[in-house]
């Protein structure tokens, strides 16, 4: 891909995906280490943490969709420009008949 505008978009999508998955793993690991009594008292906080991690994953998915949509738009524009350049070329001259 030669479009420089897409470089920040892919970097952001990769970073957000990695951060979301790492945060979710840490969150779930922390919950697993809590005693059952602590888990029940901390349930509202645990629910908020898991919900926020799922929203971060949703943001990462949205960024990937946005990136691929931009990439497809870029490629479609390239193909249209190529098609226009082909259409605007004059037809080839007829070859002389050999007798």
N, C-alpha and C. Protein backbone atom coordinates (compact mmCIF):
# COMPACT_ATOMS: atom_id res chain seq x y z
N UNK A 1 0.85 -1.16 0.00
CA UNK A 1 0.00 0.00 0.00
C UNK A 1 0.89 1.22 0.00
N UNK A 2 0.71 2.12 -0.95
CA UNK A 2 1.54 3.29 -1.09
C UNK A 2 0.91 4.55 -0.53
N UNK A 3 -0.28 4.48 -0.01
CA UNK A 3 -0.96 5.66 0.48
C UNK A 3 -0.45 5.99 1.88
N UNK A 4 0.24 7.14 2.00
CA UNK A 4 0.83 7.53 3.28
C UNK A 4 -0.23 7.90 4.31
N UNK A 5 -1.44 8.24 3.87
CA UNK A 5 -2.50 8.62 4.81
C UNK A 5 -2.94 7.43 5.64
N UNK A 6 -2.74 6.23 5.19
CA UNK A 6 -3.22 5.05 5.90
C UNK A 6 -2.25 4.57 6.98
N UNK A 7 -1.00 5.04 6.97
CA UNK A 7 -0.02 4.58 7.95
C UNK A 7 -0.44 4.85 9.39
N UNK A 8 -0.89 6.07 9.74
CA UNK A 8 -1.34 6.29 11.12
C UNK A 8 -2.57 5.46 11.47
N UNK A 9 -3.44 5.22 10.53
CA UNK A 9 -4.65 4.45 10.80
C UNK A 9 -4.31 3.00 11.15
N UNK A 10 -3.39 2.40 10.44
CA UNK A 10 -3.03 1.01 10.73
C UNK A 10 -2.28 0.93 12.05
N UNK A 11 -1.42 1.92 12.32
CA UNK A 11 -0.69 1.92 13.59
C UNK A 11 -1.65 2.06 14.77
N UNK A 12 -2.63 2.92 14.64
CA UNK A 12 -3.61 3.10 15.71
C UNK A 12 -4.43 1.84 15.91
N UNK A 13 -4.84 1.21 14.83
CA UNK A 13 -5.64 -0.01 14.93
C UNK A 13 -4.84 -1.13 15.59
N UNK A 14 -3.58 -1.28 15.22
CA UNK A 14 -2.73 -2.32 15.81
C UNK A 14 -2.51 -2.04 17.29
N UNK A 15 -2.22 -0.78 17.63
CA UNK A 15 -1.98 -0.42 19.02
C UNK A 15 -3.22 -0.66 19.87
N UNK A 16 -4.37 -0.21 19.39
CA UNK A 16 -5.61 -0.36 20.16
C UNK A 16 -5.96 -1.83 20.34
N UNK A 17 -5.77 -2.63 19.30
CA UNK A 17 -6.06 -4.06 19.41
C UNK A 17 -5.16 -4.72 20.46
N UNK A 18 -3.87 -4.43 20.38
CA UNK A 18 -2.94 -4.99 21.35
C UNK A 18 -3.24 -4.55 22.77
N UNK A 19 -3.52 -3.26 22.94
CA UNK A 19 -3.82 -2.73 24.28
C UNK A 19 -5.10 -3.35 24.83
N UNK A 20 -6.10 -3.49 23.98
CA UNK A 20 -7.38 -4.04 24.44
C UNK A 20 -7.23 -5.49 24.87
N UNK A 21 -6.53 -6.28 24.09
CA UNK A 21 -6.36 -7.69 24.44
C UNK A 21 -5.47 -7.87 25.67
N UNK A 22 -4.43 -7.06 25.78
CA UNK A 22 -3.57 -7.13 26.96
C UNK A 22 -4.32 -6.70 28.21
N UNK A 23 -5.07 -5.61 28.13
CA UNK A 23 -5.85 -5.14 29.28
C UNK A 23 -6.89 -6.18 29.69
N UNK A 24 -7.54 -6.79 28.73
CA UNK A 24 -8.54 -7.80 29.06
C UNK A 24 -7.89 -9.01 29.75
N UNK A 25 -6.73 -9.42 29.26
CA UNK A 25 -6.03 -10.54 29.89
C UNK A 25 -5.63 -10.21 31.32
N UNK A 26 -5.12 -9.00 31.54
CA UNK A 26 -4.73 -8.58 32.89
C UNK A 26 -5.95 -8.51 33.80
N UNK A 27 -7.04 -7.96 33.28
CA UNK A 27 -8.27 -7.84 34.06
C UNK A 27 -8.80 -9.22 34.46
N UNK A 28 -8.87 -10.12 33.51
CA UNK A 28 -9.38 -11.46 33.82
C UNK A 28 -8.43 -12.23 34.74
N UNK A 29 -7.13 -12.02 34.57
CA UNK A 29 -6.16 -12.65 35.46
C UNK A 29 -6.29 -12.13 36.89
N UNK A 30 -6.51 -10.83 37.02
CA UNK A 30 -6.69 -10.25 38.36
C UNK A 30 -7.95 -10.77 39.02
N UNK A 31 -9.01 -10.91 38.25
CA UNK A 31 -10.27 -11.42 38.80
C UNK A 31 -10.10 -12.87 39.25
N UNK A 32 -9.35 -13.65 38.48
CA UNK A 32 -9.16 -15.06 38.84
C UNK A 32 -8.37 -15.21 40.13
N UNK A 33 -7.51 -14.23 40.45
CA UNK A 33 -6.70 -14.31 41.66
C UNK A 33 -7.44 -13.84 42.91
N UNK A 34 -8.62 -13.27 42.76
CA UNK A 34 -9.39 -12.80 43.92
C UNK A 34 -10.10 -13.98 44.58
N UNK A 35 -10.27 -13.87 45.86
CA UNK A 35 -11.04 -14.90 46.57
C UNK A 35 -12.51 -14.75 46.22
N UNK A 36 -13.30 -15.80 46.36
CA UNK A 36 -14.73 -15.70 46.03
C UNK A 36 -15.45 -14.61 46.84
N UNK A 37 -15.07 -14.43 48.10
CA UNK A 37 -15.71 -13.38 48.91
C UNK A 37 -15.37 -12.00 48.37
N UNK A 38 -14.12 -11.80 47.98
CA UNK A 38 -13.71 -10.51 47.42
C UNK A 38 -14.37 -10.29 46.07
N UNK A 39 -14.49 -11.35 45.28
CA UNK A 39 -15.14 -11.22 43.98
C UNK A 39 -16.57 -10.74 44.14
N UNK A 40 -17.28 -11.28 45.12
CA UNK A 40 -18.69 -10.88 45.28
C UNK A 40 -18.82 -9.44 45.76
N UNK A 41 -17.89 -8.97 46.60
CA UNK A 41 -17.97 -7.58 47.05
C UNK A 41 -17.50 -6.61 45.98
N UNK A 42 -16.63 -7.06 45.12
CA UNK A 42 -16.09 -6.19 44.07
C UNK A 42 -16.81 -6.35 42.73
N UNK A 43 -17.94 -7.03 42.72
CA UNK A 43 -18.64 -7.33 41.47
C UNK A 43 -18.97 -6.08 40.65
N UNK A 44 -19.46 -4.98 41.25
CA UNK A 44 -19.72 -3.79 40.41
C UNK A 44 -18.46 -3.27 39.71
N UNK A 45 -17.34 -3.25 40.43
CA UNK A 45 -16.09 -2.79 39.83
C UNK A 45 -15.63 -3.76 38.74
N UNK A 46 -15.75 -5.04 39.00
CA UNK A 46 -15.36 -6.05 38.02
C UNK A 46 -16.22 -5.91 36.76
N UNK A 47 -17.51 -5.68 36.94
CA UNK A 47 -18.41 -5.52 35.80
C UNK A 47 -18.02 -4.31 34.97
N UNK A 48 -17.70 -3.21 35.63
CA UNK A 48 -17.29 -1.99 34.91
C UNK A 48 -15.98 -2.23 34.17
N UNK A 49 -15.04 -2.92 34.80
CA UNK A 49 -13.76 -3.20 34.15
C UNK A 49 -13.94 -4.06 32.90
N UNK A 50 -14.71 -5.12 33.03
CA UNK A 50 -14.93 -5.99 31.87
C UNK A 50 -15.67 -5.24 30.77
N UNK A 51 -16.67 -4.44 31.14
CA UNK A 51 -17.40 -3.66 30.14
C UNK A 51 -16.46 -2.68 29.43
N UNK A 52 -15.59 -2.01 30.19
CA UNK A 52 -14.68 -1.06 29.55
C UNK A 52 -13.70 -1.77 28.62
N UNK A 53 -13.26 -2.96 28.99
CA UNK A 53 -12.37 -3.72 28.12
C UNK A 53 -13.08 -4.15 26.84
N UNK A 54 -14.32 -4.55 26.96
CA UNK A 54 -15.09 -4.92 25.77
C UNK A 54 -15.32 -3.72 24.87
N UNK A 55 -15.51 -2.54 25.45
CA UNK A 55 -15.66 -1.33 24.64
C UNK A 55 -14.35 -0.98 23.94
N UNK A 56 -13.23 -1.23 24.61
CA UNK A 56 -11.93 -0.99 23.98
C UNK A 56 -11.73 -1.94 22.80
N UNK A 57 -12.16 -3.18 22.95
CA UNK A 57 -12.08 -4.14 21.83
C UNK A 57 -13.01 -3.69 20.70
N UNK A 58 -14.19 -3.19 21.04
CA UNK A 58 -15.10 -2.68 20.00
C UNK A 58 -14.47 -1.50 19.27
N UNK A 59 -13.76 -0.64 20.00
CA UNK A 59 -13.07 0.48 19.36
C UNK A 59 -12.00 -0.03 18.40
N UNK A 60 -11.27 -1.06 18.81
CA UNK A 60 -10.25 -1.63 17.93
C UNK A 60 -10.87 -2.20 16.66
N UNK A 61 -11.98 -2.89 16.80
CA UNK A 61 -12.68 -3.44 15.63
C UNK A 61 -13.14 -2.30 14.72
N UNK A 62 -13.68 -1.24 15.30
CA UNK A 62 -14.11 -0.08 14.51
C UNK A 62 -12.93 0.51 13.76
N UNK A 63 -11.76 0.61 14.41
CA UNK A 63 -10.59 1.18 13.74
C UNK A 63 -10.12 0.30 12.59
N UNK A 64 -10.18 -1.03 12.76
CA UNK A 64 -9.81 -1.92 11.66
C UNK A 64 -10.78 -1.76 10.49
N UNK A 65 -12.07 -1.68 10.79
CA UNK A 65 -13.06 -1.49 9.73
C UNK A 65 -12.81 -0.17 9.02
N UNK A 66 -12.53 0.88 9.79
CA UNK A 66 -12.25 2.20 9.21
C UNK A 66 -11.01 2.14 8.33
N UNK A 67 -9.97 1.44 8.78
CA UNK A 67 -8.75 1.31 7.99
C UNK A 67 -9.02 0.60 6.67
N UNK A 68 -9.69 -0.55 6.73
CA UNK A 68 -9.93 -1.30 5.50
C UNK A 68 -10.88 -0.57 4.57
N UNK A 69 -11.82 0.16 5.11
CA UNK A 69 -12.71 0.96 4.27
C UNK A 69 -11.92 2.05 3.55
N UNK A 70 -11.02 2.71 4.27
CA UNK A 70 -10.17 3.72 3.64
C UNK A 70 -9.27 3.12 2.59
N UNK A 71 -8.73 1.93 2.88
CA UNK A 71 -7.87 1.26 1.92
C UNK A 71 -8.64 0.91 0.65
N UNK A 72 -9.86 0.39 0.82
CA UNK A 72 -10.67 0.04 -0.35
C UNK A 72 -11.02 1.28 -1.16
N UNK A 73 -11.36 2.38 -0.48
CA UNK A 73 -11.64 3.63 -1.20
C UNK A 73 -10.42 4.08 -1.99
N UNK A 74 -9.25 3.97 -1.38
CA UNK A 74 -8.00 4.35 -2.04
C UNK A 74 -7.77 3.50 -3.29
N UNK A 75 -7.95 2.18 -3.17
CA UNK A 75 -7.73 1.29 -4.31
C UNK A 75 -8.76 1.54 -5.41
N UNK A 76 -10.01 1.79 -5.03
CA UNK A 76 -11.05 2.08 -6.03
C UNK A 76 -10.71 3.35 -6.78
N UNK A 77 -10.23 4.37 -6.07
CA UNK A 77 -9.83 5.62 -6.73
C UNK A 77 -8.68 5.37 -7.69
N UNK A 78 -7.72 4.54 -7.29
CA UNK A 78 -6.61 4.21 -8.18
C UNK A 78 -7.10 3.52 -9.45
N UNK A 79 -8.01 2.58 -9.29
CA UNK A 79 -8.53 1.86 -10.45
C UNK A 79 -9.34 2.78 -11.36
N UNK A 80 -10.09 3.70 -10.79
CA UNK A 80 -10.84 4.66 -11.61
C UNK A 80 -9.91 5.57 -12.39
N UNK A 81 -8.83 6.02 -11.74
CA UNK A 81 -7.86 6.86 -12.45
C UNK A 81 -7.21 6.08 -13.59
N UNK A 82 -6.89 4.84 -13.34
CA UNK A 82 -6.29 4.01 -14.39
C UNK A 82 -7.28 3.79 -15.53
N UNK A 83 -8.54 3.55 -15.19
CA UNK A 83 -9.57 3.36 -16.20
C UNK A 83 -9.74 4.63 -17.03
N UNK A 84 -9.74 5.79 -16.38
CA UNK A 84 -9.88 7.05 -17.10
C UNK A 84 -8.69 7.29 -18.03
N UNK A 85 -7.49 6.93 -17.59
CA UNK A 85 -6.33 7.12 -18.46
C UNK A 85 -6.39 6.19 -19.67
N UNK A 86 -6.93 4.99 -19.49
CA UNK A 86 -7.07 4.07 -20.62
C UNK A 86 -8.13 4.57 -21.58
N UNK A 87 -9.25 5.06 -21.05
CA UNK A 87 -10.34 5.54 -21.90
C UNK A 87 -9.92 6.80 -22.66
N UNK A 88 -9.11 7.65 -22.04
CA UNK A 88 -8.74 8.91 -22.68
C UNK A 88 -7.65 8.75 -23.74
N UNK A 89 -7.02 7.60 -23.82
CA UNK A 89 -6.00 7.38 -24.84
C UNK A 89 -6.67 7.22 -26.20
N UNK A 90 -6.04 7.77 -27.24
CA UNK A 90 -6.62 7.59 -28.58
C UNK A 90 -6.49 6.13 -29.01
N UNK A 91 -7.41 5.67 -29.84
CA UNK A 91 -7.31 4.28 -30.31
C UNK A 91 -6.06 4.11 -31.17
N UNK A 92 -5.52 2.91 -31.21
CA UNK A 92 -4.32 2.69 -32.02
C UNK A 92 -4.62 2.88 -33.51
N UNK A 93 -3.62 3.35 -34.21
CA UNK A 93 -3.78 3.57 -35.66
C UNK A 93 -3.89 2.22 -36.36
N UNK A 94 -4.75 2.13 -37.37
CA UNK A 94 -4.87 0.85 -38.09
C UNK A 94 -3.57 0.54 -38.82
N UNK A 95 -3.25 -0.73 -38.87
CA UNK A 95 -2.03 -1.15 -39.55
C UNK A 95 -2.30 -1.18 -41.06
N UNK A 96 -1.31 -0.78 -41.83
CA UNK A 96 -1.50 -0.81 -43.29
C UNK A 96 -1.60 -2.25 -43.79
N UNK A 97 -2.44 -2.45 -44.75
CA UNK A 97 -2.63 -3.79 -45.32
C UNK A 97 -1.44 -4.15 -46.19
N UNK A 98 -0.99 -5.37 -46.08
CA UNK A 98 0.13 -5.84 -46.89
C UNK A 98 -0.45 -6.56 -48.11
N UNK A 99 -0.02 -6.10 -49.30
CA UNK A 99 -0.53 -6.71 -50.55
C UNK A 99 0.35 -7.82 -51.01
